[in-house]
């Protein structure tokens, strides 16, 4: 998680990524994309790339909107992540 925090912090400091994106947001989004595209993997093995790019474009600082909910606290994220393993 430290690598994620470092990379995200650097991108935010450079003004490239919206400031309200948190380190716990990223793995949840990646898991969601993976889960959503898994049933289609046989016919569309690279479909996940489309959704990842859509997410990354939406994470840019020039297109922010109100996220409508606070980020998941780290402890809750870790419990959720561990339950999915």
PDB file of N, CA and C in Angstrom:
ATOM      1  N   UNK A   1       0.813  -1.181   0.000  1.00  0.00           N
ATOM      2  CA  UNK A   1       0.000   0.000   0.000  1.00  0.00           C
ATOM      3  C   UNK A   1       0.871   1.265   0.000  1.00  0.00           C
ATOM      4  N   UNK A   2       2.079   1.150   0.538  1.00  0.00           N
ATOM      5  CA  UNK A   2       2.971   2.316   0.551  1.00  0.00           C
ATOM      6  C   UNK A   2       3.317   2.777  -0.856  1.00  0.00           C
ATOM      7  N   UNK A   3       3.481   1.829  -1.769  1.00  0.00           N
ATOM      8  CA  UNK A   3       3.795   2.183  -3.150  1.00  0.00           C
ATOM      9  C   UNK A   3       2.637   2.951  -3.776  1.00  0.00           C
ATOM     10  N   UNK A   4       1.421   2.512  -3.475  1.00  0.00           N
ATOM     11  CA  UNK A   4       0.225   3.191  -3.989  1.00  0.00           C
ATOM     12  C   UNK A   4       0.166   4.607  -3.422  1.00  0.00           C
ATOM     13  N   UNK A   5       0.387   4.736  -2.118  1.00  0.00           N
ATOM     14  CA  UNK A   5       0.360   6.050  -1.485  1.00  0.00           C
ATOM     15  C   UNK A   5       1.398   6.977  -2.106  1.00  0.00           C
ATOM     16  N   UNK A   6       2.594   6.449  -2.335  1.00  0.00           N
ATOM     17  CA  UNK A   6       3.670   7.259  -2.908  1.00  0.00           C
ATOM     18  C   UNK A   6       3.321   7.703  -4.337  1.00  0.00           C
ATOM     19  N   UNK A   7       2.899   6.761  -5.168  1.00  0.00           N
ATOM     20  CA  UNK A   7       2.576   7.092  -6.561  1.00  0.00           C
ATOM     21  C   UNK A   7       1.401   8.063  -6.638  1.00  0.00           C
ATOM     22  N   UNK A   8       0.382   7.820  -5.835  1.00  0.00           N
ATOM     23  CA  UNK A   8      -0.781   8.702  -5.836  1.00  0.00           C
ATOM     24  C   UNK A   8      -0.394  10.089  -5.323  1.00  0.00           C
ATOM     25  N   UNK A   9       0.367  10.144  -4.253  1.00  0.00           N
ATOM     26  CA  UNK A   9       0.804  11.435  -3.717  1.00  0.00           C
ATOM     27  C   UNK A   9       1.611  12.233  -4.729  1.00  0.00           C
ATOM     28  N   UNK A  10       2.486  11.558  -5.456  1.00  0.00           N
ATOM     29  CA  UNK A  10       3.292  12.239  -6.472  1.00  0.00           C
ATOM     30  C   UNK A  10       2.411  12.766  -7.603  1.00  0.00           C
ATOM     31  N   UNK A  11       1.444  11.975  -8.028  1.00  0.00           N
ATOM     32  CA  UNK A  11       0.538  12.406  -9.097  1.00  0.00           C
ATOM     33  C   UNK A  11      -0.327  13.577  -8.633  1.00  0.00           C
ATOM     34  N   UNK A  12      -0.770  13.543  -7.382  1.00  0.00           N
ATOM     35  CA  UNK A  12      -1.564  14.647  -6.845  1.00  0.00           C
ATOM     36  C   UNK A  12      -0.711  15.900  -6.695  1.00  0.00           C
ATOM     37  N   UNK A  13       0.516  15.750  -6.218  1.00  0.00           N
ATOM     38  CA  UNK A  13       1.410  16.897  -6.057  1.00  0.00           C
ATOM     39  C   UNK A  13       1.723  17.546  -7.405  1.00  0.00           C
ATOM     40  N   UNK A  14       1.764  16.732  -8.449  1.00  0.00           N
ATOM     41  CA  UNK A  14       2.030  17.254  -9.794  1.00  0.00           C
ATOM     42  C   UNK A  14       0.775  17.858 -10.431  1.00  0.00           C
ATOM     43  N   UNK A  15      -0.353  17.744  -9.731  1.00  0.00           N
ATOM     44  CA  UNK A  15      -1.597  18.301 -10.263  1.00  0.00           C
ATOM     45  C   UNK A  15      -2.221  17.473 -11.363  1.00  0.00           C
ATOM     46  N   UNK A  16      -1.869  16.204 -11.430  1.00  0.00           N
ATOM     47  CA  UNK A  16      -2.367  15.329 -12.484  1.00  0.00           C
ATOM     48  C   UNK A  16      -3.595  14.524 -12.076  1.00  0.00           C
ATOM     49  N   UNK A  17      -3.760  14.303 -10.779  1.00  0.00           N
ATOM     50  CA  UNK A  17      -4.835  13.450 -10.277  1.00  0.00           C
ATOM     51  C   UNK A  17      -5.637  14.238  -9.253  1.00  0.00           C
ATOM     52  N   UNK A  18      -6.930  14.034  -9.269  1.00  0.00           N
ATOM     53  CA  UNK A  18      -7.812  14.773  -8.363  1.00  0.00           C
ATOM     54  C   UNK A  18      -7.376  14.583  -6.910  1.00  0.00           C
ATOM     55  N   UNK A  19      -7.465  15.632  -6.113  1.00  0.00           N
ATOM     56  CA  UNK A  19      -6.949  15.573  -4.741  1.00  0.00           C
ATOM     57  C   UNK A  19      -7.779  14.715  -3.788  1.00  0.00           C
ATOM     58  N   UNK A  20      -9.022  14.393  -4.148  1.00  0.00           N
ATOM     59  CA  UNK A  20      -9.855  13.607  -3.241  1.00  0.00           C
ATOM     60  C   UNK A  20      -9.779  12.110  -3.481  1.00  0.00           C
ATOM     61  N   UNK A  21      -8.942  11.677  -4.415  1.00  0.00           N
ATOM     62  CA  UNK A  21      -8.706  10.243  -4.640  1.00  0.00           C
ATOM     63  C   UNK A  21      -7.782   9.741  -3.538  1.00  0.00           C
ATOM     64  N   UNK A  22      -8.126   8.632  -2.895  1.00  0.00           N
ATOM     65  CA  UNK A  22      -7.323   8.122  -1.779  1.00  0.00           C
ATOM     66  C   UNK A  22      -6.699   6.776  -2.131  1.00  0.00           C
ATOM     67  N   UNK A  23      -5.660   6.375  -1.397  1.00  0.00           N
ATOM     68  CA  UNK A  23      -5.024   5.090  -1.664  1.00  0.00           C
ATOM     69  C   UNK A  23      -5.975   3.897  -1.541  1.00  0.00           C
ATOM     70  N   UNK A  24      -6.987   3.988  -0.686  1.00  0.00           N
ATOM     71  CA  UNK A  24      -7.921   2.863  -0.584  1.00  0.00           C
ATOM     72  C   UNK A  24      -8.911   2.831  -1.742  1.00  0.00           C
ATOM     73  N   UNK A  25      -9.088   3.957  -2.437  1.00  0.00           N
ATOM     74  CA  UNK A  25      -9.982   3.968  -3.601  1.00  0.00           C
ATOM     75  C   UNK A  25      -9.435   3.094  -4.728  1.00  0.00           C
ATOM     76  N   UNK A  26      -8.146   3.163  -4.940  1.00  0.00           N
ATOM     77  CA  UNK A  26      -7.552   2.499  -6.111  1.00  0.00           C
ATOM     78  C   UNK A  26      -7.729   0.986  -6.130  1.00  0.00           C
ATOM     79  N   UNK A  27      -7.375   0.243  -5.082  1.00  0.00           N
ATOM     80  CA  UNK A  27      -7.564  -1.213  -5.159  1.00  0.00           C
ATOM     81  C   UNK A  27      -9.030  -1.617  -5.246  1.00  0.00           C
ATOM     82  N   UNK A  28      -9.910  -0.838  -4.624  1.00  0.00           N
ATOM     83  CA  UNK A  28     -11.335  -1.160  -4.719  1.00  0.00           C
ATOM     84  C   UNK A  28     -11.804  -1.023  -6.162  1.00  0.00           C
ATOM     85  N   UNK A  29     -11.377   0.031  -6.823  1.00  0.00           N
ATOM     86  CA  UNK A  29     -11.763   0.240  -8.223  1.00  0.00           C
ATOM     87  C   UNK A  29     -11.178  -0.849  -9.106  1.00  0.00           C
ATOM     88  N   UNK A  30      -9.942  -1.217  -8.869  1.00  0.00           N
ATOM     89  CA  UNK A  30      -9.310  -2.281  -9.661  1.00  0.00           C
ATOM     90  C   UNK A  30     -10.022  -3.615  -9.443  1.00  0.00           C
ATOM     91  N   UNK A  31     -10.387  -3.905  -8.172  1.00  0.00           N
ATOM     92  CA  UNK A  31     -11.128  -5.144  -7.905  1.00  0.00           C
ATOM     93  C   UNK A  31     -12.498  -5.116  -8.575  1.00  0.00           C
ATOM     94  N   UNK A  32     -13.142  -3.960  -8.569  1.00  0.00           N
ATOM     95  CA  UNK A  32     -14.459  -3.841  -9.198  1.00  0.00           C
ATOM     96  C   UNK A  32     -14.369  -4.071 -10.702  1.00  0.00           C
ATOM     97  N   UNK A  33     -13.367  -3.485 -11.325  1.00  0.00           N
ATOM     98  CA  UNK A  33     -13.174  -3.680 -12.766  1.00  0.00           C
ATOM     99  C   UNK A  33     -12.888  -5.150 -13.060  1.00  0.00           C
ATOM    100  N   UNK A  34     -12.015  -5.753 -12.275  1.00  0.00           N
ATOM    101  CA  UNK A  34     -11.674  -7.161 -12.470  1.00  0.00           C
ATOM    102  C   UNK A  34     -12.891  -8.060 -12.305  1.00  0.00           C
ATOM    103  N   UNK A  35     -13.653  -7.819 -11.263  1.00  0.00           N
ATOM    104  CA  UNK A  35     -14.841  -8.636 -10.996  1.00  0.00           C
ATOM    105  C   UNK A  35     -15.889  -8.465 -12.105  1.00  0.00           C
ATOM    106  N   UNK A  36     -16.084  -7.239 -12.532  1.00  0.00           N
ATOM    107  CA  UNK A  36     -17.108  -6.960 -13.539  1.00  0.00           C
ATOM    108  C   UNK A  36     -16.763  -7.539 -14.907  1.00  0.00           C
ATOM    109  N   UNK A  37     -15.482  -7.605 -15.226  1.00  0.00           N
ATOM    110  CA  UNK A  37     -15.089  -8.085 -16.554  1.00  0.00           C
ATOM    111  C   UNK A  37     -14.734  -9.570 -16.587  1.00  0.00           C
ATOM    112  N   UNK A  38     -14.622 -10.217 -15.432  1.00  0.00           N
ATOM    113  CA  UNK A  38     -14.229 -11.631 -15.383  1.00  0.00           C
ATOM    114  C   UNK A  38     -15.111 -12.546 -16.223  1.00  0.00           C
ATOM    115  N   UNK A  39     -16.446 -12.406 -16.195  1.00  0.00           N
ATOM    116  CA  UNK A  39     -17.276 -13.308 -17.000  1.00  0.00           C
ATOM    117  C   UNK A  39     -17.068 -13.155 -18.514  1.00  0.00           C
ATOM    118  N   UNK A  40     -16.512 -12.021 -18.925  1.00  0.00           N
ATOM    119  CA  UNK A  40     -16.312 -11.761 -20.348  1.00  0.00           C
ATOM    120  C   UNK A  40     -14.895 -12.060 -20.810  1.00  0.00           C
ATOM    121  N   UNK A  41     -14.062 -12.507 -19.898  1.00  0.00           N
ATOM    122  CA  UNK A  41     -12.642 -12.674 -20.206  1.00  0.00           C
ATOM    123  C   UNK A  41     -12.389 -13.628 -21.374  1.00  0.00           C
ATOM    124  N   UNK A  42     -13.164 -14.676 -21.468  1.00  0.00           N
ATOM    125  CA  UNK A  42     -12.958 -15.642 -22.551  1.00  0.00           C
ATOM    126  C   UNK A  42     -13.107 -15.028 -23.936  1.00  0.00           C
ATOM    127  N   UNK A  43     -14.129 -14.220 -24.124  1.00  0.00           N
ATOM    128  CA  UNK A  43     -14.374 -13.597 -25.428  1.00  0.00           C
ATOM    129  C   UNK A  43     -13.695 -12.244 -25.585  1.00  0.00           C
ATOM    130  N   UNK A  44     -13.456 -11.567 -24.476  1.00  0.00           N
ATOM    131  CA  UNK A  44     -12.881 -10.220 -24.512  1.00  0.00           C
ATOM    132  C   UNK A  44     -11.763 -10.111 -23.469  1.00  0.00           C
ATOM    133  N   UNK A  45     -10.628 -10.754 -23.712  1.00  0.00           N
ATOM    134  CA  UNK A  45      -9.593 -10.842 -22.676  1.00  0.00           C
ATOM    135  C   UNK A  45      -8.950  -9.506 -22.285  1.00  0.00           C
ATOM    136  N   UNK A  46      -9.097  -8.469 -23.072  1.00  0.00           N
ATOM    137  CA  UNK A  46      -8.487  -7.189 -22.718  1.00  0.00           C
ATOM    138  C   UNK A  46      -9.533  -6.109 -22.401  1.00  0.00           C
ATOM    139  N   UNK A  47     -10.764  -6.505 -22.185  1.00  0.00           N
ATOM    140  CA  UNK A  47     -11.827  -5.551 -21.898  1.00  0.00           C
ATOM    141  C   UNK A  47     -11.538  -4.740 -20.645  1.00  0.00           C
ATOM    142  N   UNK A  48     -10.886  -5.344 -19.670  1.00  0.00           N
ATOM    143  CA  UNK A  48     -10.561  -4.638 -18.434  1.00  0.00           C
ATOM    144  C   UNK A  48      -9.780  -3.370 -18.706  1.00  0.00           C
ATOM    145  N   UNK A  49      -8.970  -3.362 -19.778  1.00  0.00           N
ATOM    146  CA  UNK A  49      -8.167  -2.174 -20.109  1.00  0.00           C
ATOM    147  C   UNK A  49      -9.057  -0.982 -20.448  1.00  0.00           C
ATOM    148  N   UNK A  50     -10.162  -1.250 -21.127  1.00  0.00           N
ATOM    149  CA  UNK A  50     -11.100  -0.176 -21.477  1.00  0.00           C
ATOM    150  C   UNK A  50     -11.620   0.501 -20.217  1.00  0.00           C
ATOM    151  N   UNK A  51     -12.063  -0.308 -19.246  1.00  0.00           N
ATOM    152  CA  UNK A  51     -12.638   0.251 -18.032  1.00  0.00           C
ATOM    153  C   UNK A  51     -11.587   0.908 -17.142  1.00  0.00           C
ATOM    154  N   UNK A  52     -10.384   0.361 -17.138  1.00  0.00           N
ATOM    155  CA  UNK A  52      -9.312   0.990 -16.383  1.00  0.00           C
ATOM    156  C   UNK A  52      -9.000   2.362 -16.980  1.00  0.00           C
ATOM    157  N   UNK A  53      -8.961   2.453 -18.293  1.00  0.00           N
ATOM    158  CA  UNK A  53      -8.697   3.751 -18.936  1.00  0.00           C
ATOM    159  C   UNK A  53      -9.828   4.737 -18.676  1.00  0.00           C
ATOM    160  N   UNK A  54     -11.061   4.251 -18.695  1.00  0.00           N
ATOM    161  CA  UNK A  54     -12.184   5.136 -18.360  1.00  0.00           C
ATOM    162  C   UNK A  54     -12.038   5.670 -16.938  1.00  0.00           C
ATOM    163  N   UNK A  55     -11.674   4.802 -16.014  1.00  0.00           N
ATOM    164  CA  UNK A  55     -11.453   5.240 -14.641  1.00  0.00           C
ATOM    165  C   UNK A  55     -10.319   6.250 -14.568  1.00  0.00           C
ATOM    166  N   UNK A  56      -9.185   5.933 -15.190  1.00  0.00           N
ATOM    167  CA  UNK A  56      -8.033   6.824 -15.106  1.00  0.00           C
ATOM    168  C   UNK A  56      -8.345   8.192 -15.699  1.00  0.00           C
ATOM    169  N   UNK A  57      -9.080   8.229 -16.790  1.00  0.00           N
ATOM    170  CA  UNK A  57      -9.476   9.517 -17.360  1.00  0.00           C
ATOM    171  C   UNK A  57     -10.349  10.293 -16.378  1.00  0.00           C
ATOM    172  N   UNK A  58     -11.229   9.599 -15.681  1.00  0.00           N
ATOM    173  CA  UNK A  58     -12.091  10.243 -14.701  1.00  0.00           C
ATOM    174  C   UNK A  58     -11.353  10.678 -13.446  1.00  0.00           C
ATOM    175  N   UNK A  59     -10.177  10.122 -13.201  1.00  0.00           N
ATOM    176  CA  UNK A  59      -9.398  10.469 -12.018  1.00  0.00           C
ATOM    177  C   UNK A  59      -8.547  11.716 -12.229  1.00  0.00           C
ATOM    178  N   UNK A  60      -8.496  12.168 -13.458  1.00  0.00           N
ATOM    179  CA  UNK A  60      -7.676  13.353 -13.741  1.00  0.00           C
ATOM    180  C   UNK A  60      -8.255  14.585 -13.058  1.00  0.00           C
ATOM    181  N   UNK A  61      -7.395  15.494 -12.746  1.00  0.00           N
ATOM    182  CA  UNK A  61      -7.776  16.682 -11.996  1.00  0.00           C
ATOM    183  C   UNK A  61      -8.694  17.607 -12.799  1.00  0.00           C
ATOM    184  N   UNK A  62      -8.656  17.532 -14.105  1.00  0.00           N
ATOM    185  CA  UNK A  62      -9.459  18.453 -14.906  1.00  0.00           C
ATOM    186  C   UNK A  62     -10.915  18.026 -15.068  1.00  0.00           C
ATOM    187  N   UNK A  63     -11.312  16.914 -14.474  1.00  0.00           N
ATOM    188  CA  UNK A  63     -12.704  16.481 -14.623  1.00  0.00           C
ATOM    189  C   UNK A  63     -13.340  16.047 -13.299  1.00  0.00           C
ATOM    190  N   UNK A  64     -13.042  16.739 -12.196  1.00  0.00           N
ATOM    191  CA  UNK A  64     -13.615  16.278 -10.928  1.00  0.00           C
ATOM    192  C   UNK A  64     -15.087  16.652 -10.752  1.00  0.00           C
ATOM    193  N   UNK A  65     -15.782  15.812 -10.071  1.00  0.00           N
ATOM    194  CA  UNK A  65     -17.140  16.107  -9.628  1.00  0.00           C
ATOM    195  C   UNK A  65     -17.230  15.630  -8.184  1.00  0.00           C
ATOM    196  N   UNK A  66     -18.277  16.027  -7.494  1.00  0.00           N
ATOM    197  CA  UNK A  66     -18.443  15.603  -6.116  1.00  0.00           C
ATOM    198  C   UNK A  66     -18.587  14.086  -6.072  1.00  0.00           C
ATOM    199  N   UNK A  67     -17.826  13.428  -5.235  1.00  0.00           N
ATOM    200  CA  UNK A  67     -17.850  11.969  -5.164  1.00  0.00           C
ATOM    201  C   UNK A  67     -19.052  11.434  -4.406  1.00  0.00           C
ATOM    202  N   UNK A  68     -19.727  12.259  -3.644  1.00  0.00           N
ATOM    203  CA  UNK A  68     -20.979  11.866  -3.027  1.00  0.00           C
ATOM    204  C   UNK A  68     -20.880  10.997  -1.784  1.00  0.00           C
ATOM    205  N   UNK A  69     -19.682  10.586  -1.418  1.00  0.00           N
ATOM    206  CA  UNK A  69     -19.480   9.754  -0.230  1.00  0.00           C
ATOM    207  C   UNK A  69     -18.022   9.879   0.187  1.00  0.00           C
ATOM    208  N   UNK A  70     -17.732   9.716   1.481  1.00  0.00           N
ATOM    209  CA  UNK A  70     -16.339   9.770   1.924  1.00  0.00           C
ATOM    210  C   UNK A  70     -15.592   8.509   1.513  1.00  0.00           C
ATOM    211  N   UNK A  71     -14.262   8.561   1.530  1.00  0.00           N
ATOM    212  CA  UNK A  71     -13.492   7.359   1.202  1.00  0.00           C
ATOM    213  C   UNK A  71     -13.655   6.291   2.281  1.00  0.00           C
ATOM    214  N   UNK A  72     -13.360   5.058   1.909  1.00  0.00           N
ATOM    215  CA  UNK A  72     -13.404   3.944   2.845  1.00  0.00           C
ATOM    216  C   UNK A  72     -12.216   4.072   3.797  1.00  0.00           C
ATOM    217  N   UNK A  73     -12.430   4.026   5.094  1.00  0.00           N
ATOM    218  CA  UNK A  73     -11.306   4.066   6.037  1.00  0.00           C
ATOM    219  C   UNK A  73     -10.376   2.865   5.835  1.00  0.00           C
ATOM    220  N   UNK A  74      -9.102   3.067   6.065  1.00  0.00           N
ATOM    221  CA  UNK A  74      -8.108   2.030   5.787  1.00  0.00           C
ATOM    222  C   UNK A  74      -8.432   0.705   6.482  1.00  0.00           C
ATOM    223  N   UNK A  75      -8.790   0.731   7.751  1.00  0.00           N
ATOM    224  CA  UNK A  75      -9.083  -0.508   8.470  1.00  0.00           C
ATOM    225  C   UNK A  75     -10.243  -1.264   7.842  1.00  0.00           C
ATOM    226  N   UNK A  76     -11.273  -0.546   7.482  1.00  0.00           N
ATOM    227  CA  UNK A  76     -12.429  -1.184   6.843  1.00  0.00           C
ATOM    228  C   UNK A  76     -12.039  -1.738   5.476  1.00  0.00           C
ATOM    229  N   UNK A  77     -11.227  -0.986   4.735  1.00  0.00           N
ATOM    230  CA  UNK A  77     -10.747  -1.471   3.444  1.00  0.00           C
ATOM    231  C   UNK A  77      -9.966  -2.768   3.617  1.00  0.00           C
ATOM    232  N   UNK A  78      -9.063  -2.808   4.589  1.00  0.00           N
ATOM    233  CA  UNK A  78      -8.229  -3.996   4.792  1.00  0.00           C
ATOM    234  C   UNK A  78      -9.077  -5.213   5.169  1.00  0.00           C
ATOM    235  N   UNK A  79     -10.093  -5.018   6.001  1.00  0.00           N
ATOM    236  CA  UNK A  79     -10.987  -6.133   6.351  1.00  0.00           C
ATOM    237  C   UNK A  79     -11.737  -6.624   5.117  1.00  0.00           C
ATOM    238  N   UNK A  80     -12.203  -5.701   4.297  1.00  0.00           N
ATOM    239  CA  UNK A  80     -12.927  -6.072   3.080  1.00  0.00           C
ATOM    240  C   UNK A  80     -12.012  -6.798   2.110  1.00  0.00           C
ATOM    241  N   UNK A  81     -10.807  -6.276   1.941  1.00  0.00           N
ATOM    242  CA  UNK A  81      -9.829  -6.909   1.040  1.00  0.00           C
ATOM    243  C   UNK A  81      -9.508  -8.320   1.502  1.00  0.00           C
ATOM    244  N   UNK A  82      -9.290  -8.475   2.786  1.00  0.00           N
ATOM    245  CA  UNK A  82      -8.957  -9.794   3.334  1.00  0.00           C
ATOM    246  C   UNK A  82     -10.102 -10.774   3.175  1.00  0.00           C
ATOM    247  N   UNK A  83     -11.337 -10.303   3.261  1.00  0.00           N
ATOM    248  CA  UNK A  83     -12.497 -11.176   3.103  1.00  0.00           C
ATOM    249  C   UNK A  83     -12.634 -11.667   1.662  1.00  0.00           C
ATOM    250  N   UNK A  84     -12.086 -10.932   0.716  1.00  0.00           N
ATOM    251  CA  UNK A  84     -12.180 -11.311  -0.701  1.00  0.00           C
ATOM    252  C   UNK A  84     -11.097 -12.297  -1.123  1.00  0.00           C
ATOM    253  N   UNK A  85     -10.153 -12.552  -0.267  1.00  0.00           N
ATOM    254  CA  UNK A  85      -9.053 -13.455  -0.637  1.00  0.00           C
ATOM    255  C   UNK A  85      -9.448 -14.889  -0.494  1.00  0.00           C
TER     256      UNK A  85
END
